[in-house]
Amino acid sequence: MSEIGKINNDKTLDSVAVTQDTINEKRPYRLEIFFGEDDKNKKLVLMTEKAILPDFPGGRNVSNGERFWEIEIIDRNLWIKHELLRGHFEHKFQYRDGKFKLMEYNSVASDGRGKIFYQNLDFLTGIRRTQTDSYEQDKVLKKEEEFIKIKGKPDLSNFEPESNRFY
């Protein structure tokens, strides 16, 4: 899977590629980011095998219900998206000061019994917003906003999607 767009602040197109090791029993993914150069060449600026969860973290045919969905480049932001059994989560990165910094985390999940849980964590402001809806009653059950202390801002070079509660 690959995506082309503008990530850094120059005028050339950049590209992101995701490949999968299908021989490895965990099926890990490799993320590579290339910046376009004026001479139409591409320069590898980041490669990581930790930013995308493997298909089978416990080994072949042992899935935890999470799987890689897609990558997107939108408005100079790189989005990495994963599916859940009943929902999805995504991380937004932005190229700043020579690093791909984590800017935002979003998740949507259902309990399968009438409730949907939304979460947004903004790494610039430290504000975490959560909301619980009832899709059977079509109403908001609970809405909260809190300031949290984020344990440093990870960048894509050392990022692991489930490393800890608030990174």
N, C-alpha and C. Protein backbone atom coordinates (compact mmCIF):
# COMPACT_ATOMS: atom_id res chain seq x y z
N MET A 1 0.86 -1.16 0.00
CA MET A 1 0.00 0.00 0.00
C MET A 1 0.90 1.22 0.00
N SER A 2 0.51 2.22 -0.77
CA SER A 2 1.29 3.45 -0.78
C SER A 2 0.36 4.65 -0.92
N GLU A 3 0.90 5.77 -0.57
CA GLU A 3 0.14 7.03 -0.63
C GLU A 3 1.11 8.11 -1.06
N ILE A 4 0.65 9.01 -1.91
CA ILE A 4 1.46 10.13 -2.38
C ILE A 4 0.77 11.41 -1.98
N GLY A 5 1.57 12.36 -1.51
CA GLY A 5 1.03 13.65 -1.12
C GLY A 5 2.15 14.53 -0.60
N LYS A 6 1.79 15.65 -0.05
CA LYS A 6 2.79 16.57 0.50
C LYS A 6 2.79 16.44 2.02
N ILE A 7 3.95 16.11 2.56
CA ILE A 7 4.08 15.95 4.01
C ILE A 7 4.92 17.08 4.60
N ASN A 8 6.08 17.32 3.99
CA ASN A 8 6.91 18.41 4.50
C ASN A 8 6.53 19.70 3.77
N ASN A 9 7.18 20.77 4.09
CA ASN A 9 6.75 22.07 3.58
C ASN A 9 7.45 22.52 2.31
N ASP A 10 7.89 21.59 1.48
CA ASP A 10 8.45 22.01 0.20
C ASP A 10 7.40 21.82 -0.90
N LYS A 11 7.82 21.97 -2.14
CA LYS A 11 6.86 21.92 -3.24
C LYS A 11 6.82 20.58 -3.95
N THR A 12 7.60 19.61 -3.49
CA THR A 12 7.63 18.31 -4.17
C THR A 12 6.71 17.31 -3.48
N LEU A 13 6.27 16.32 -4.24
CA LEU A 13 5.41 15.28 -3.69
C LEU A 13 6.25 14.27 -2.91
N ASP A 14 5.70 13.82 -1.82
CA ASP A 14 6.34 12.82 -0.97
C ASP A 14 5.54 11.53 -1.08
N SER A 15 6.09 10.45 -0.57
CA SER A 15 5.35 9.19 -0.62
C SER A 15 5.57 8.38 0.64
N VAL A 16 4.57 7.58 0.93
CA VAL A 16 4.60 6.69 2.09
C VAL A 16 4.27 5.29 1.56
N ALA A 17 5.03 4.30 2.01
CA ALA A 17 4.79 2.93 1.58
C ALA A 17 4.69 2.03 2.80
N VAL A 18 3.74 1.10 2.75
CA VAL A 18 3.59 0.10 3.79
C VAL A 18 3.70 -1.27 3.12
N THR A 19 4.63 -2.06 3.61
CA THR A 19 4.80 -3.42 3.11
C THR A 19 4.64 -4.39 4.27
N GLN A 20 4.34 -5.63 3.96
CA GLN A 20 4.11 -6.63 4.99
C GLN A 20 5.00 -7.85 4.74
N ASP A 21 5.58 -8.35 5.81
CA ASP A 21 6.37 -9.58 5.75
C ASP A 21 5.41 -10.75 5.92
N THR A 22 5.02 -11.36 4.83
CA THR A 22 4.03 -12.44 4.90
C THR A 22 4.65 -13.79 5.25
N ILE A 23 5.96 -13.87 5.31
CA ILE A 23 6.62 -15.12 5.71
C ILE A 23 6.68 -15.22 7.24
N ASN A 24 6.89 -14.09 7.90
CA ASN A 24 6.94 -14.04 9.36
C ASN A 24 5.57 -14.41 9.93
N GLU A 25 5.53 -15.27 10.93
CA GLU A 25 4.23 -15.73 11.46
C GLU A 25 3.42 -14.64 12.15
N LYS A 26 4.05 -13.52 12.52
CA LYS A 26 3.31 -12.41 13.12
C LYS A 26 2.79 -11.43 12.08
N ARG A 27 3.29 -11.53 10.87
CA ARG A 27 2.90 -10.66 9.76
C ARG A 27 3.13 -9.17 10.06
N PRO A 28 4.37 -8.80 10.40
CA PRO A 28 4.65 -7.38 10.71
C PRO A 28 4.61 -6.50 9.46
N TYR A 29 4.40 -5.21 9.70
CA TYR A 29 4.36 -4.22 8.64
C TYR A 29 5.59 -3.31 8.75
N ARG A 30 6.06 -2.85 7.61
CA ARG A 30 7.14 -1.87 7.56
C ARG A 30 6.58 -0.59 6.94
N LEU A 31 6.81 0.52 7.61
CA LEU A 31 6.39 1.83 7.13
C LEU A 31 7.64 2.59 6.67
N GLU A 32 7.60 3.08 5.44
CA GLU A 32 8.71 3.86 4.90
C GLU A 32 8.17 5.18 4.36
N ILE A 33 8.88 6.27 4.68
CA ILE A 33 8.48 7.59 4.22
C ILE A 33 9.62 8.16 3.38
N PHE A 34 9.25 8.63 2.18
CA PHE A 34 10.21 9.19 1.25
C PHE A 34 9.83 10.63 0.95
N PHE A 35 10.82 11.53 1.02
CA PHE A 35 10.59 12.91 0.61
C PHE A 35 11.03 13.07 -0.83
N GLY A 36 10.21 13.75 -1.62
CA GLY A 36 10.57 14.06 -2.99
C GLY A 36 11.65 15.12 -3.01
N GLU A 37 12.52 15.03 -3.98
CA GLU A 37 13.59 16.01 -4.14
C GLU A 37 13.41 16.73 -5.47
N ASP A 38 14.08 17.87 -5.61
CA ASP A 38 13.93 18.69 -6.83
C ASP A 38 14.30 17.94 -8.10
N ASP A 39 15.20 16.97 -8.01
CA ASP A 39 15.63 16.24 -9.20
C ASP A 39 14.75 15.02 -9.49
N LYS A 40 13.56 15.00 -8.91
CA LYS A 40 12.56 13.94 -9.10
C LYS A 40 12.91 12.62 -8.40
N ASN A 41 14.00 12.60 -7.66
CA ASN A 41 14.34 11.41 -6.88
C ASN A 41 13.62 11.44 -5.55
N LYS A 42 13.64 10.32 -4.86
CA LYS A 42 13.03 10.23 -3.54
C LYS A 42 14.12 9.89 -2.53
N LYS A 43 14.00 10.47 -1.34
CA LYS A 43 14.98 10.22 -0.28
C LYS A 43 14.26 9.56 0.89
N LEU A 44 14.74 8.39 1.32
CA LEU A 44 14.16 7.71 2.47
C LEU A 44 14.49 8.51 3.73
N VAL A 45 13.46 8.97 4.45
CA VAL A 45 13.68 9.77 5.65
C VAL A 45 13.27 9.04 6.93
N LEU A 46 12.47 7.97 6.79
CA LEU A 46 12.08 7.21 7.98
C LEU A 46 11.66 5.81 7.59
N MET A 47 12.11 4.85 8.38
CA MET A 47 11.67 3.47 8.21
C MET A 47 11.47 2.90 9.61
N THR A 48 10.29 2.29 9.83
CA THR A 48 10.02 1.69 11.13
C THR A 48 9.13 0.46 10.96
N GLU A 49 9.32 -0.49 11.83
CA GLU A 49 8.47 -1.69 11.85
C GLU A 49 7.62 -1.74 13.12
N LYS A 50 7.59 -0.63 13.88
CA LYS A 50 6.84 -0.60 15.13
C LYS A 50 5.56 0.23 15.07
N ALA A 51 5.43 1.11 14.09
CA ALA A 51 4.32 2.06 14.05
C ALA A 51 2.99 1.44 13.67
N ILE A 52 3.04 0.27 13.03
CA ILE A 52 1.81 -0.41 12.61
C ILE A 52 1.78 -1.77 13.28
N LEU A 53 0.65 -2.07 13.91
CA LEU A 53 0.53 -3.34 14.62
C LEU A 53 0.57 -4.51 13.64
N PRO A 54 1.27 -5.60 14.01
CA PRO A 54 1.27 -6.77 13.14
C PRO A 54 -0.11 -7.44 13.13
N ASP A 55 -0.40 -8.15 12.05
CA ASP A 55 -1.70 -8.83 11.94
C ASP A 55 -1.89 -9.88 13.02
N PHE A 56 -0.84 -10.62 13.33
CA PHE A 56 -0.94 -11.71 14.30
C PHE A 56 0.14 -11.55 15.37
N PRO A 57 -0.07 -10.66 16.35
CA PRO A 57 0.98 -10.41 17.36
C PRO A 57 1.34 -11.66 18.16
N GLY A 58 0.41 -12.59 18.30
CA GLY A 58 0.71 -13.82 19.03
C GLY A 58 1.16 -14.95 18.14
N GLY A 59 1.35 -14.68 16.86
CA GLY A 59 1.73 -15.72 15.91
C GLY A 59 0.59 -16.01 14.97
N ARG A 60 0.91 -16.70 13.89
CA ARG A 60 -0.06 -16.98 12.83
C ARG A 60 -1.37 -17.53 13.38
N ASN A 61 -2.47 -17.00 12.87
CA ASN A 61 -3.83 -17.42 13.22
C ASN A 61 -4.23 -17.07 14.65
N VAL A 62 -3.45 -16.22 15.32
CA VAL A 62 -3.83 -15.75 16.65
C VAL A 62 -3.96 -14.24 16.57
N SER A 63 -5.17 -13.79 16.28
CA SER A 63 -5.42 -12.36 16.10
C SER A 63 -6.07 -11.79 17.36
N ASN A 64 -5.77 -10.54 17.65
CA ASN A 64 -6.40 -9.87 18.79
C ASN A 64 -7.55 -8.97 18.34
N GLY A 65 -7.97 -9.09 17.09
CA GLY A 65 -9.08 -8.29 16.59
C GLY A 65 -8.68 -6.92 16.09
N GLU A 66 -7.41 -6.57 16.15
CA GLU A 66 -6.92 -5.30 15.64
C GLU A 66 -6.14 -5.60 14.37
N ARG A 67 -6.34 -4.76 13.37
CA ARG A 67 -5.55 -4.94 12.17
C ARG A 67 -5.38 -3.62 11.45
N PHE A 68 -4.28 -3.53 10.72
CA PHE A 68 -3.97 -2.34 9.95
C PHE A 68 -5.05 -2.13 8.89
N TRP A 69 -5.48 -0.88 8.74
CA TRP A 69 -6.54 -0.53 7.81
C TRP A 69 -5.98 0.26 6.63
N GLU A 70 -5.40 1.45 6.91
CA GLU A 70 -4.89 2.27 5.82
C GLU A 70 -4.00 3.39 6.33
N ILE A 71 -3.29 4.01 5.40
CA ILE A 71 -2.56 5.25 5.65
C ILE A 71 -3.14 6.30 4.72
N GLU A 72 -3.12 7.53 5.17
CA GLU A 72 -3.58 8.64 4.34
C GLU A 72 -2.72 9.86 4.59
N ILE A 73 -2.54 10.66 3.57
CA ILE A 73 -1.91 11.97 3.71
C ILE A 73 -3.00 12.99 3.44
N ILE A 74 -3.33 13.77 4.46
CA ILE A 74 -4.38 14.78 4.35
C ILE A 74 -3.85 16.08 4.95
N ASP A 75 -3.82 17.13 4.15
CA ASP A 75 -3.37 18.45 4.61
C ASP A 75 -2.02 18.40 5.33
N ARG A 76 -1.05 17.72 4.72
CA ARG A 76 0.31 17.58 5.25
C ARG A 76 0.39 16.73 6.52
N ASN A 77 -0.68 16.03 6.85
CA ASN A 77 -0.69 15.14 8.00
C ASN A 77 -0.70 13.69 7.52
N LEU A 78 0.02 12.84 8.24
CA LEU A 78 0.04 11.42 7.95
C LEU A 78 -0.85 10.72 8.97
N TRP A 79 -1.86 10.01 8.48
CA TRP A 79 -2.78 9.27 9.33
C TRP A 79 -2.50 7.78 9.20
N ILE A 80 -2.35 7.09 10.33
CA ILE A 80 -2.20 5.64 10.36
C ILE A 80 -3.44 5.10 11.05
N LYS A 81 -4.16 4.22 10.35
CA LYS A 81 -5.46 3.77 10.85
C LYS A 81 -5.49 2.25 11.03
N HIS A 82 -6.09 1.84 12.14
CA HIS A 82 -6.27 0.43 12.46
C HIS A 82 -7.75 0.14 12.69
N GLU A 83 -8.18 -1.05 12.32
CA GLU A 83 -9.55 -1.49 12.59
C GLU A 83 -9.58 -2.32 13.87
N LEU A 84 -10.71 -2.25 14.53
CA LEU A 84 -10.99 -3.10 15.68
C LEU A 84 -12.15 -4.01 15.30
N LEU A 85 -12.42 -4.98 16.12
CA LEU A 85 -13.55 -5.86 15.87
C LEU A 85 -14.84 -5.05 15.75
N ARG A 86 -15.01 -4.06 16.63
CA ARG A 86 -16.19 -3.19 16.61
C ARG A 86 -15.78 -1.71 16.68
N GLY A 87 -14.99 -1.28 15.72
CA GLY A 87 -14.58 0.12 15.71
C GLY A 87 -13.26 0.32 14.99
N HIS A 88 -12.59 1.42 15.32
CA HIS A 88 -11.29 1.71 14.74
C HIS A 88 -10.56 2.74 15.60
N PHE A 89 -9.25 2.88 15.36
CA PHE A 89 -8.48 3.95 15.98
C PHE A 89 -7.46 4.46 14.97
N GLU A 90 -7.05 5.72 15.17
CA GLU A 90 -6.14 6.34 14.23
C GLU A 90 -5.21 7.31 14.94
N HIS A 91 -4.01 7.44 14.37
CA HIS A 91 -3.00 8.36 14.89
C HIS A 91 -2.63 9.34 13.78
N LYS A 92 -2.53 10.61 14.15
CA LYS A 92 -2.18 11.66 13.19
C LYS A 92 -0.78 12.18 13.51
N PHE A 93 0.08 12.19 12.51
CA PHE A 93 1.45 12.69 12.65
C PHE A 93 1.65 13.88 11.73
N GLN A 94 2.52 14.79 12.18
CA GLN A 94 2.83 15.97 11.38
C GLN A 94 4.35 16.15 11.40
N TYR A 95 4.91 16.49 10.25
CA TYR A 95 6.34 16.70 10.16
C TYR A 95 6.67 18.10 10.67
N ARG A 96 7.40 18.15 11.79
CA ARG A 96 7.78 19.43 12.41
C ARG A 96 9.18 19.30 12.98
N ASP A 97 9.98 20.30 12.76
CA ASP A 97 11.33 20.35 13.33
C ASP A 97 12.13 19.07 13.06
N GLY A 98 11.98 18.54 11.86
CA GLY A 98 12.76 17.38 11.46
C GLY A 98 12.26 16.04 11.97
N LYS A 99 11.07 16.02 12.59
CA LYS A 99 10.52 14.76 13.11
C LYS A 99 9.04 14.67 12.77
N PHE A 100 8.54 13.44 12.74
CA PHE A 100 7.12 13.20 12.56
C PHE A 100 6.50 13.09 13.95
N LYS A 101 5.89 14.17 14.41
CA LYS A 101 5.38 14.23 15.77
C LYS A 101 3.92 13.78 15.84
N LEU A 102 3.61 13.03 16.89
CA LEU A 102 2.24 12.59 17.12
C LEU A 102 1.42 13.79 17.56
N MET A 103 0.34 14.08 16.82
CA MET A 103 -0.47 15.25 17.09
C MET A 103 -1.84 14.90 17.67
N GLU A 104 -2.37 13.74 17.29
CA GLU A 104 -3.75 13.44 17.68
C GLU A 104 -3.98 11.93 17.66
N TYR A 105 -4.86 11.50 18.56
CA TYR A 105 -5.31 10.11 18.60
C TYR A 105 -6.83 10.12 18.65
N ASN A 106 -7.47 9.30 17.83
CA ASN A 106 -8.93 9.18 17.82
C ASN A 106 -9.30 7.70 17.85
N SER A 107 -10.38 7.40 18.56
CA SER A 107 -10.89 6.03 18.52
C SER A 107 -12.41 6.04 18.61
N VAL A 108 -13.00 5.03 18.01
CA VAL A 108 -14.43 4.78 18.07
C VAL A 108 -14.58 3.29 18.29
N ALA A 109 -15.34 2.91 19.32
CA ALA A 109 -15.54 1.49 19.60
C ALA A 109 -16.95 1.27 20.13
N SER A 110 -17.48 0.10 19.84
CA SER A 110 -18.81 -0.27 20.32
C SER A 110 -18.68 -1.46 21.26
N ASP A 111 -19.56 -1.51 22.25
CA ASP A 111 -19.56 -2.68 23.13
C ASP A 111 -20.45 -3.80 22.57
N GLY A 112 -21.10 -3.55 21.45
CA GLY A 112 -21.98 -4.55 20.85
C GLY A 112 -23.31 -4.70 21.57
N ARG A 113 -23.53 -3.84 22.57
CA ARG A 113 -24.77 -3.91 23.34
C ARG A 113 -25.47 -2.56 23.41
N GLY A 114 -25.27 -1.74 22.39
CA GLY A 114 -26.01 -0.49 22.34
C GLY A 114 -25.21 0.77 22.61
N LYS A 115 -23.93 0.66 22.96
CA LYS A 115 -23.14 1.85 23.27
C LYS A 115 -21.96 2.00 22.31
N ILE A 116 -21.69 3.26 22.00
CA ILE A 116 -20.51 3.61 21.20
C ILE A 116 -19.66 4.57 22.03
N PHE A 117 -18.37 4.31 22.05
CA PHE A 117 -17.43 5.10 22.84
C PHE A 117 -16.48 5.84 21.89
N TYR A 118 -16.41 7.17 22.05
CA TYR A 118 -15.54 8.01 21.24
C TYR A 118 -14.45 8.58 22.14
N GLN A 119 -13.25 8.70 21.58
CA GLN A 119 -12.16 9.32 22.33
C GLN A 119 -11.31 10.13 21.36
N ASN A 120 -10.90 11.32 21.80
CA ASN A 120 -9.99 12.17 21.05
C ASN A 120 -8.96 12.69 22.03
N LEU A 121 -7.69 12.57 21.67
CA LEU A 121 -6.61 13.08 22.49
C LEU A 121 -5.77 14.00 21.62
N ASP A 122 -5.74 15.28 21.99
CA ASP A 122 -5.00 16.30 21.25
C ASP A 122 -3.66 16.48 21.95
N PHE A 123 -2.57 16.15 21.28
CA PHE A 123 -1.25 16.21 21.90
C PHE A 123 -0.70 17.62 21.98
N LEU A 124 -1.26 18.57 21.26
CA LEU A 124 -0.83 19.96 21.38
C LEU A 124 -1.39 20.60 22.65
N THR A 125 -2.66 20.37 22.91
CA THR A 125 -3.32 21.01 24.05
C THR A 125 -3.32 20.14 25.31
N GLY A 126 -3.17 18.82 25.14
CA GLY A 126 -3.27 17.91 26.28
C GLY A 126 -4.72 17.65 26.68
N ILE A 127 -5.66 18.00 25.83
CA ILE A 127 -7.07 17.81 26.15
C ILE A 127 -7.55 16.47 25.60
N ARG A 128 -8.18 15.73 26.47
CA ARG A 128 -8.76 14.43 26.11
C ARG A 128 -10.28 14.56 26.19
N ARG A 129 -10.94 14.25 25.10
CA ARG A 129 -12.40 14.30 25.05
C ARG A 129 -12.93 12.89 24.87
N THR A 130 -13.93 12.54 25.67
CA THR A 130 -14.59 11.25 25.54
C THR A 130 -16.09 11.47 25.47
N GLN A 131 -16.74 10.54 24.81
CA GLN A 131 -18.19 10.61 24.70
C GLN A 131 -18.73 9.19 24.58
N THR A 132 -19.84 8.94 25.26
CA THR A 132 -20.53 7.66 25.16
C THR A 132 -21.93 7.94 24.62
N ASP A 133 -22.27 7.25 23.54
CA ASP A 133 -23.59 7.40 22.93
C ASP A 133 -24.35 6.08 23.00
N SER A 134 -25.65 6.19 23.02
CA SER A 134 -26.52 5.02 22.88
C SER A 134 -27.04 5.03 21.46
N TYR A 135 -26.67 4.02 20.69
CA TYR A 135 -27.20 3.99 19.33
C TYR A 135 -28.59 3.40 19.28
N GLU A 136 -29.02 2.76 20.33
CA GLU A 136 -30.40 2.27 20.39
C GLU A 136 -31.37 3.41 20.70
N GLN A 137 -30.94 4.34 21.57
CA GLN A 137 -31.79 5.47 21.94
C GLN A 137 -31.46 6.74 21.16
N ASP A 138 -30.40 6.70 20.36
CA ASP A 138 -29.96 7.83 19.57
C ASP A 138 -29.75 9.08 20.43
N LYS A 139 -28.95 8.91 21.51
CA LYS A 139 -28.65 10.07 22.35
C LYS A 139 -27.28 9.93 23.01
N VAL A 140 -26.76 11.08 23.45
CA VAL A 140 -25.48 11.13 24.15
C VAL A 140 -25.73 10.77 25.61
N LEU A 141 -24.99 9.79 26.11
CA LEU A 141 -25.15 9.37 27.50
C LEU A 141 -24.16 10.08 28.43
N LYS A 142 -22.97 10.34 27.91
CA LYS A 142 -21.93 10.93 28.75
C LYS A 142 -20.93 11.65 27.86
N LYS A 143 -20.49 12.81 28.33
CA LYS A 143 -19.52 13.61 27.59
C LYS A 143 -18.55 14.22 28.60
N GLU A 144 -17.26 14.01 28.39
CA GLU A 144 -16.26 14.54 29.32
C GLU A 144 -15.10 15.17 28.56
N GLU A 145 -14.48 16.13 29.22
CA GLU A 145 -13.28 16.76 28.70
C GLU A 145 -12.34 16.96 29.87
N GLU A 146 -11.09 16.56 29.70
CA GLU A 146 -10.13 16.69 30.78
C GLU A 146 -8.76 17.04 30.24
N PHE A 147 -7.98 17.72 31.05
CA PHE A 147 -6.59 18.00 30.70
C PHE A 147 -5.76 16.88 31.30
N ILE A 148 -4.91 16.30 30.49
CA ILE A 148 -4.04 15.24 31.00
C ILE A 148 -2.59 15.60 30.74
N LYS A 149 -1.74 15.07 31.56
CA LYS A 149 -0.31 15.27 31.37
C LYS A 149 0.18 14.16 30.46
N ILE A 150 0.69 14.54 29.32
CA ILE A 150 1.17 13.57 28.34
C ILE A 150 2.65 13.31 28.61
N LYS A 151 3.00 12.05 28.63
CA LYS A 151 4.36 11.63 28.94
C LYS A 151 5.26 11.79 27.72
N GLY A 152 5.56 13.02 27.37
CA GLY A 152 6.39 13.28 26.20
C GLY A 152 5.62 13.04 24.92
N LYS A 153 6.03 13.69 23.88
CA LYS A 153 5.36 13.50 22.59
C LYS A 153 6.19 12.54 21.77
N PRO A 154 5.66 11.37 21.54
CA PRO A 154 6.43 10.45 20.70
C PRO A 154 6.48 10.94 19.26
N ASP A 155 7.55 10.57 18.59
CA ASP A 155 7.59 10.80 17.16
C ASP A 155 7.57 9.44 16.48
N LEU A 156 7.36 9.44 15.21
CA LEU A 156 7.14 8.21 14.48
C LEU A 156 8.33 7.26 14.54
N SER A 157 9.53 7.78 14.76
CA SER A 157 10.71 6.91 14.81
C SER A 157 10.72 6.01 16.05
N ASN A 158 10.04 6.41 17.13
CA ASN A 158 10.02 5.58 18.34
C ASN A 158 8.59 5.22 18.77
N PHE A 159 7.65 5.38 17.88
CA PHE A 159 6.24 5.21 18.20
C PHE A 159 5.80 3.75 18.13
N GLU A 160 5.02 3.35 19.14
CA GLU A 160 4.34 2.07 19.13
C GLU A 160 2.88 2.35 19.48
N PRO A 161 1.92 1.90 18.67
CA PRO A 161 0.52 2.28 18.85
C PRO A 161 -0.06 2.01 20.22
N GLU A 162 0.39 0.99 20.89
CA GLU A 162 -0.17 0.67 22.20
C GLU A 162 0.89 0.65 23.28
N SER A 163 1.81 1.61 23.24
CA SER A 163 2.93 1.58 24.17
C SER A 163 2.50 1.85 25.62
N ASN A 164 1.60 2.78 25.86
CA ASN A 164 1.08 3.01 27.21
C ASN A 164 -0.19 3.85 27.15
N ARG A 165 -0.77 4.13 28.28
CA ARG A 165 -2.08 4.79 28.32
C ARG A 165 -2.10 6.15 27.63
N PHE A 166 -1.17 7.03 27.94
CA PHE A 166 -1.14 8.34 27.30
C PHE A 166 0.23 8.66 26.71
N TYR A 167 0.90 7.66 26.23
CA TYR A 167 2.18 7.76 25.52
C TYR A 167 3.23 8.39 26.36
